[in-house]
């Protein structure tokens, strides 16, 4: 059984389209069709139902998915034996939520590339639950997202880091000089927030509505860098993960508000599937992320 046929099978199963699979793999469409036919002949059962341009897995195809994935993982594992990081090749498919991508992961990518120059990194940015579903379908190797403490039996949590959600404003904002600030003050202020369906805005809505407070943001945007820039220009108050505003607060540009009767702690969490072989490139990213947070803790300890 050819490993390349199994790899082609997995790509067709992922995209549900032979033409797109051929384009991504760099094959002619006829080559992909032939490889699938060879695999079906070996197994003795059809792996896909073909309706128009769309192909969907048969029962046999669904059963083959984890077996094919495991066989390719074992092949990669054997090829990686004894290789130093500089010679490790392959791909790392990483899913990250926007705020962690911009404010944590982006700064680590040059060092990751220096350590693993032959690894091709695929970075997908989306909401946490979309990423989790893609991890479940083996479309991603690892996902890094922010949410409440999450434990899923089918996933391995490689890292969990506490991350507070905070109310933040320009350091010159009147509420930045008031201690404490009430949630009623927050609800009455001009708010610049992430989009309402996002996790941060959903938490804020739950907090305010539980106290009978209504609010209407003056701006919503699914871009935390934009929100930080607006806060620096003295446009309202926002509700963001503390790591997003850490540098601006340290520089005296922004201030975290002292809001009474409020304390929400989330976790930055890195997951991979329990059935997934932990590749050297995955281990390398986990190690780099751990080093990053250890460096942050050491710096905070020195300041204390």
Protein backbone atom coordinates (compact mmCIF):
# COMPACT_ATOMS: atom_id res chain seq x y z
CA UNK A 1 0.00 0.00 0.00
CA UNK A 2 1.59 3.24 -1.20
CA UNK A 3 1.94 5.97 1.43
CA UNK A 4 1.48 8.62 -1.24
CA UNK A 5 -1.91 7.11 -2.09
CA UNK A 6 -2.91 7.35 1.56
CA UNK A 7 -1.78 10.98 1.67
CA UNK A 8 -3.83 11.72 -1.44
CA UNK A 9 -6.84 9.95 0.09
CA UNK A 10 -6.63 12.12 3.21
CA UNK A 11 -6.41 15.32 1.17
CA UNK A 12 -9.44 14.39 -0.95
CA UNK A 13 -11.34 13.48 2.22
CA UNK A 14 -10.44 16.86 3.73
CA UNK A 15 -11.44 18.96 0.69
CA UNK A 16 -14.26 16.74 -0.63
CA UNK A 17 -13.10 17.66 -4.12
CA UNK A 18 -10.63 15.86 -6.41
CA UNK A 19 -9.76 18.92 -8.49
CA UNK A 20 -8.86 21.06 -5.46
CA UNK A 21 -6.96 18.16 -3.87
CA UNK A 22 -4.91 17.75 -7.07
CA UNK A 23 -4.12 21.47 -7.13
CA UNK A 24 -2.94 21.50 -3.50
CA UNK A 25 -0.87 18.33 -3.94
CA UNK A 26 0.66 19.48 -7.22
CA UNK A 27 -0.73 16.50 -9.16
CA UNK A 28 -2.77 16.22 -12.32
CA UNK A 29 -6.41 15.43 -11.60
CA UNK A 30 -6.02 12.11 -13.40
CA UNK A 31 -3.16 11.17 -11.07
CA UNK A 32 -5.31 11.75 -8.00
CA UNK A 33 -8.15 9.71 -9.52
CA UNK A 34 -5.75 6.86 -10.32
CA UNK A 35 -4.27 6.87 -6.81
CA UNK A 36 -7.73 6.69 -5.22
CA UNK A 37 -8.72 3.87 -7.58
CA UNK A 38 -5.53 1.94 -6.69
CA UNK A 39 -6.30 2.32 -3.00
CA UNK A 40 -9.92 1.22 -3.47
CA UNK A 41 -8.73 -1.82 -5.43
CA UNK A 42 -6.35 -2.80 -2.63
CA UNK A 43 -9.01 -2.42 0.06
CA UNK A 44 -11.74 -3.95 -2.05
CA UNK A 45 -14.34 -1.32 -1.26
CA UNK A 46 -15.22 2.16 -2.55
CA UNK A 47 -13.86 4.92 -0.33
CA UNK A 48 -15.89 7.82 -1.79
CA UNK A 49 -19.34 8.43 -3.15
CA UNK A 50 -19.03 10.69 -6.20
CA UNK A 51 -21.92 13.08 -6.87
CA UNK A 52 -21.04 15.74 -9.41
CA UNK A 53 -17.82 17.49 -8.41
CA UNK A 54 -18.24 16.67 -4.74
CA UNK A 55 -16.98 13.45 -3.19
CA UNK A 56 -18.03 12.21 0.24
CA UNK A 57 -16.63 9.40 2.33
CA UNK A 58 -18.30 6.01 2.37
CA UNK A 59 -18.39 3.98 5.56
CA UNK A 60 -15.14 2.25 4.55
CA UNK A 61 -13.58 5.64 3.83
CA UNK A 62 -14.49 6.91 7.28
CA UNK A 63 -12.93 3.83 8.87
CA UNK A 64 -9.74 4.33 6.86
CA UNK A 65 -9.20 7.96 7.97
CA UNK A 66 -7.58 7.26 11.39
CA UNK A 67 -5.64 4.26 10.04
CA UNK A 68 -4.22 6.24 7.10
CA UNK A 69 -3.34 9.12 9.38
CA UNK A 70 -1.55 6.80 11.79
CA UNK A 71 0.39 5.06 9.00
CA UNK A 72 1.65 8.38 7.66
CA UNK A 73 2.54 9.52 11.18
CA UNK A 74 4.59 6.35 11.76
CA UNK A 75 6.38 6.89 8.46
CA UNK A 76 7.25 10.47 9.42
CA UNK A 77 8.32 9.32 12.87
CA UNK A 78 10.73 6.76 11.39
CA UNK A 79 12.21 9.31 8.98
CA UNK A 80 12.75 11.81 11.83
CA UNK A 81 14.74 9.41 14.03
CA UNK A 82 18.00 11.00 15.14
CA UNK A 83 17.61 14.14 13.03
CA UNK A 84 18.62 17.50 14.55
CA UNK A 85 15.97 20.25 14.46
CA UNK A 86 17.67 21.98 11.51
CA UNK A 87 17.07 18.88 9.37
CA UNK A 88 13.49 18.19 10.42
CA UNK A 89 11.16 18.73 7.48
CA UNK A 90 7.43 18.54 7.05
CA UNK A 91 4.53 20.79 7.93
CA UNK A 92 3.02 22.25 11.07
CA UNK A 93 -0.66 23.20 10.76
CA UNK A 94 -1.38 25.58 13.61
CA UNK A 95 -4.76 27.15 14.38
CA UNK A 96 -4.75 30.30 16.56
CA UNK A 97 -7.34 32.84 17.69
CA UNK A 98 -6.66 36.38 16.46
CA UNK A 99 -5.53 37.96 19.73
CA UNK A 100 -3.05 35.18 20.58
CA UNK A 101 -1.78 35.18 17.01
CA UNK A 102 -1.04 38.92 16.98
CA UNK A 103 0.16 39.42 20.56
CA UNK A 104 1.87 36.12 21.45
CA UNK A 105 2.55 33.78 18.52
CA UNK A 106 3.68 36.33 15.92
CA UNK A 107 6.77 37.27 17.91
CA UNK A 108 7.80 33.61 18.21
CA UNK A 109 7.68 32.71 14.52
CA UNK A 110 11.13 34.05 13.53
CA UNK A 111 12.77 31.98 16.30
CA UNK A 112 10.74 28.92 15.33
CA UNK A 113 11.89 29.30 11.72
CA UNK A 114 15.50 29.67 12.88
CA UNK A 115 15.26 26.42 14.85
CA UNK A 116 13.27 24.50 12.20
CA UNK A 117 14.19 26.12 8.86
CA UNK A 118 12.87 23.21 6.77
CA UNK A 119 9.42 23.06 8.40
CA UNK A 120 6.57 24.66 6.46
CA UNK A 121 4.22 26.46 8.84
CA UNK A 122 0.52 26.83 8.01
CA UNK A 123 -1.18 29.38 10.27
CA UNK A 124 -4.99 29.57 10.36
CA UNK A 125 -6.75 32.28 12.38
CA UNK A 126 -10.33 31.70 13.48
CA UNK A 127 -12.58 31.48 16.55
CA UNK A 128 -11.75 28.92 19.23
CA UNK A 129 -14.66 26.57 18.58
CA UNK A 130 -14.10 26.59 14.83
CA UNK A 131 -10.48 25.64 15.45
CA UNK A 132 -11.49 22.85 17.83
CA UNK A 133 -13.81 21.37 15.19
CA UNK A 134 -11.04 21.54 12.60
CA UNK A 135 -8.69 19.80 15.05
CA UNK A 136 -11.32 17.09 15.51
CA UNK A 137 -11.41 16.58 11.72
CA UNK A 138 -7.58 16.41 11.55
CA UNK A 139 -7.41 19.59 9.47
CA UNK A 140 -5.02 21.10 12.04
CA UNK A 141 -2.17 19.62 14.08
CA UNK A 142 -2.57 21.93 17.08
CA UNK A 143 -4.84 24.77 18.16
CA UNK A 144 -4.01 27.66 20.50
CA UNK A 145 -7.01 29.57 21.78
CA UNK A 146 -8.45 31.47 24.73
CA UNK A 147 -11.44 30.24 26.70
CA UNK A 148 -12.55 29.04 30.09
CA UNK A 149 -10.70 26.03 31.48
CA UNK A 150 -11.46 23.36 28.88
CA UNK A 151 -10.89 19.63 29.29
CA UNK A 152 -11.87 17.44 26.34
CA UNK A 153 -11.21 13.66 26.59
CA UNK A 154 -10.29 13.34 22.92
CA UNK A 155 -7.62 16.06 23.10
CA UNK A 156 -4.31 16.47 24.91
CA UNK A 157 -3.76 19.87 26.51
CA UNK A 158 -0.06 20.56 26.07
CA UNK A 159 -0.14 23.97 27.76
CA UNK A 160 -2.54 26.10 29.80
CA UNK A 161 -1.77 29.67 30.82
CA UNK A 162 -4.08 31.86 32.97
CA UNK A 163 -5.20 34.96 31.07
CA UNK A 164 -7.41 37.64 32.58
CA UNK A 165 -9.94 39.65 30.64
CA UNK A 166 -9.68 43.31 31.67
CA UNK A 167 -11.39 46.64 31.13
CA UNK A 168 -8.89 49.07 29.65
CA UNK A 169 -8.82 52.71 28.58
CA UNK A 170 -6.40 55.47 27.70
CA UNK A 171 -4.27 56.41 30.72
CA UNK A 172 -5.82 59.92 30.60
CA UNK A 173 -9.40 58.64 30.69
CA UNK A 174 -11.33 59.90 33.78
CA UNK A 175 -12.18 56.34 34.84
CA UNK A 176 -8.48 55.44 34.83
CA UNK A 177 -8.05 57.72 37.85
CA UNK A 178 -11.08 56.40 39.76
CA UNK A 179 -10.80 53.51 42.25
CA UNK A 180 -12.93 51.52 42.09
CA UNK A 181 -14.98 51.80 38.91
CA UNK A 182 -18.49 50.33 38.90
CA UNK A 183 -19.91 48.12 36.17
CA UNK A 184 -22.62 50.77 35.74
CA UNK A 185 -19.86 53.25 34.84
CA UNK A 186 -18.56 50.78 32.26
CA UNK A 187 -22.00 50.21 30.70
CA UNK A 188 -22.57 53.97 30.42
CA UNK A 189 -19.20 54.70 28.78
CA UNK A 190 -18.42 54.65 25.04
CA UNK A 191 -17.28 51.07 24.37
CA UNK A 192 -15.06 49.86 21.53
CA UNK A 193 -15.30 46.07 21.49
CA UNK A 194 -14.64 42.93 19.53
CA UNK A 195 -17.57 41.72 17.45
CA UNK A 196 -20.64 40.76 19.46
CA UNK A 197 -20.48 37.05 18.54
CA UNK A 198 -16.87 36.85 19.77
CA UNK A 199 -15.91 35.26 23.09
CA UNK A 200 -14.85 38.50 24.83
CA UNK A 201 -18.02 40.39 23.97
CA UNK A 202 -20.12 37.38 24.96
CA UNK A 203 -18.49 37.30 28.40
CA UNK A 204 -18.99 41.06 28.80
CA UNK A 205 -22.64 40.75 27.82
CA UNK A 206 -23.16 37.98 30.39
CA UNK A 207 -21.48 40.03 33.13
CA UNK A 208 -23.47 43.21 32.46
CA UNK A 209 -26.84 41.57 31.82
CA UNK A 210 -26.52 39.53 35.03
CA UNK A 211 -26.57 42.88 36.85
CA UNK A 212 -29.41 44.32 34.78
CA UNK A 213 -27.12 46.63 32.80
CA UNK A 214 -27.56 47.31 29.11
CA UNK A 215 -24.89 48.67 26.77
CA UNK A 216 -24.42 49.63 23.15
CA UNK A 217 -20.86 49.78 21.76
CA UNK A 218 -19.88 52.72 19.59
CA UNK A 219 -17.65 50.43 17.53
CA UNK A 220 -17.16 46.68 17.01
CA UNK A 221 -14.20 45.17 15.21
CA UNK A 222 -12.67 41.72 15.08
CA UNK A 223 -9.14 43.11 15.30
CA UNK A 224 -7.52 43.65 18.70
CA UNK A 225 -4.62 45.67 17.26
CA UNK A 226 -7.14 48.17 15.86
CA UNK A 227 -8.89 48.42 19.23
CA UNK A 228 -5.61 49.10 21.03
CA UNK A 229 -4.78 51.84 18.52
CA UNK A 230 -8.18 53.46 19.10
CA UNK A 231 -7.71 53.33 22.87
CA UNK A 232 -4.37 55.08 22.50
CA UNK A 233 -6.25 57.82 20.62
CA UNK A 234 -8.60 58.16 23.62
CA UNK A 235 -11.59 56.51 21.98
CA UNK A 236 -13.62 54.89 24.76
CA UNK A 237 -13.13 51.75 26.85
CA UNK A 238 -12.52 48.18 25.73
CA UNK A 239 -12.63 44.67 27.18
CA UNK A 240 -9.63 42.58 26.17
CA UNK A 241 -7.22 39.91 27.34
CA UNK A 242 -4.54 41.38 29.59
CA UNK A 243 -1.75 40.16 27.30
CA UNK A 244 -3.13 42.32 24.47
CA UNK A 245 -2.58 45.58 26.40
CA UNK A 246 0.42 44.59 28.57
CA UNK A 247 3.02 46.56 26.62
CA UNK A 248 0.84 49.65 26.24
CA UNK A 249 0.10 49.64 29.97
CA UNK A 250 3.80 49.26 30.79
CA UNK A 251 4.55 52.28 28.57
CA UNK A 252 1.91 54.36 30.38
CA UNK A 253 -0.26 54.70 27.27
CA UNK A 254 -3.20 52.65 28.56
CA UNK A 255 -4.52 51.78 32.01
CA UNK A 256 -6.35 48.71 33.30
CA UNK A 257 -9.44 49.89 35.15
CA UNK A 258 -10.06 48.85 38.74
CA UNK A 259 -13.58 47.48 38.25
CA UNK A 260 -15.41 46.28 41.36
CA UNK A 261 -17.39 43.03 41.55
CA UNK A 262 -15.66 41.64 38.52
CA UNK A 263 -13.00 38.98 38.06
CA UNK A 264 -12.99 36.67 35.04
CA UNK A 265 -10.05 34.36 34.36
CA UNK A 266 -9.63 32.52 31.10
CA UNK A 267 -6.81 30.29 29.89
CA UNK A 268 -4.61 30.37 26.82
CA UNK A 269 -4.68 26.68 25.90
CA UNK A 270 -2.75 24.60 23.38
CA UNK A 271 -4.34 21.31 22.27
CA UNK A 272 -3.63 18.42 19.93
CA UNK A 273 -5.62 15.25 19.28
CA UNK A 274 -4.87 12.28 21.54
CA UNK A 275 -4.55 10.00 18.49
CA UNK A 276 -2.04 12.31 16.86
CA UNK A 277 1.65 11.45 16.88
CA UNK A 278 3.48 14.34 18.51
CA UNK A 279 5.81 15.25 15.66
CA UNK A 280 9.19 16.94 16.26
CA UNK A 281 7.85 20.15 14.74
CA UNK A 282 4.90 20.07 17.15
CA UNK A 283 7.21 19.40 20.10
CA UNK A 284 9.39 22.29 18.97
CA UNK A 285 6.49 24.74 19.01
CA UNK A 286 5.35 23.55 22.45
CA UNK A 287 8.86 24.00 23.82
CA UNK A 288 9.19 27.47 22.31
CA UNK A 289 5.86 28.56 23.78
CA UNK A 290 6.84 27.22 27.20
CA UNK A 291 10.13 29.11 27.04
CA UNK A 292 8.25 32.27 26.10
CA UNK A 293 6.01 32.09 29.15
CA UNK A 294 8.88 31.13 31.46
CA UNK A 295 10.71 34.24 30.24
CA UNK A 296 7.64 36.37 30.98
CA UNK A 297 7.37 34.91 34.49
CA UNK A 298 11.05 35.52 35.16
CA UNK A 299 10.75 39.15 34.02
CA UNK A 300 7.66 39.69 36.20
CA UNK A 301 9.45 38.15 39.20
CA UNK A 302 12.40 40.54 38.75
CA UNK A 303 10.02 43.54 38.66
CA UNK A 304 8.42 42.37 41.92
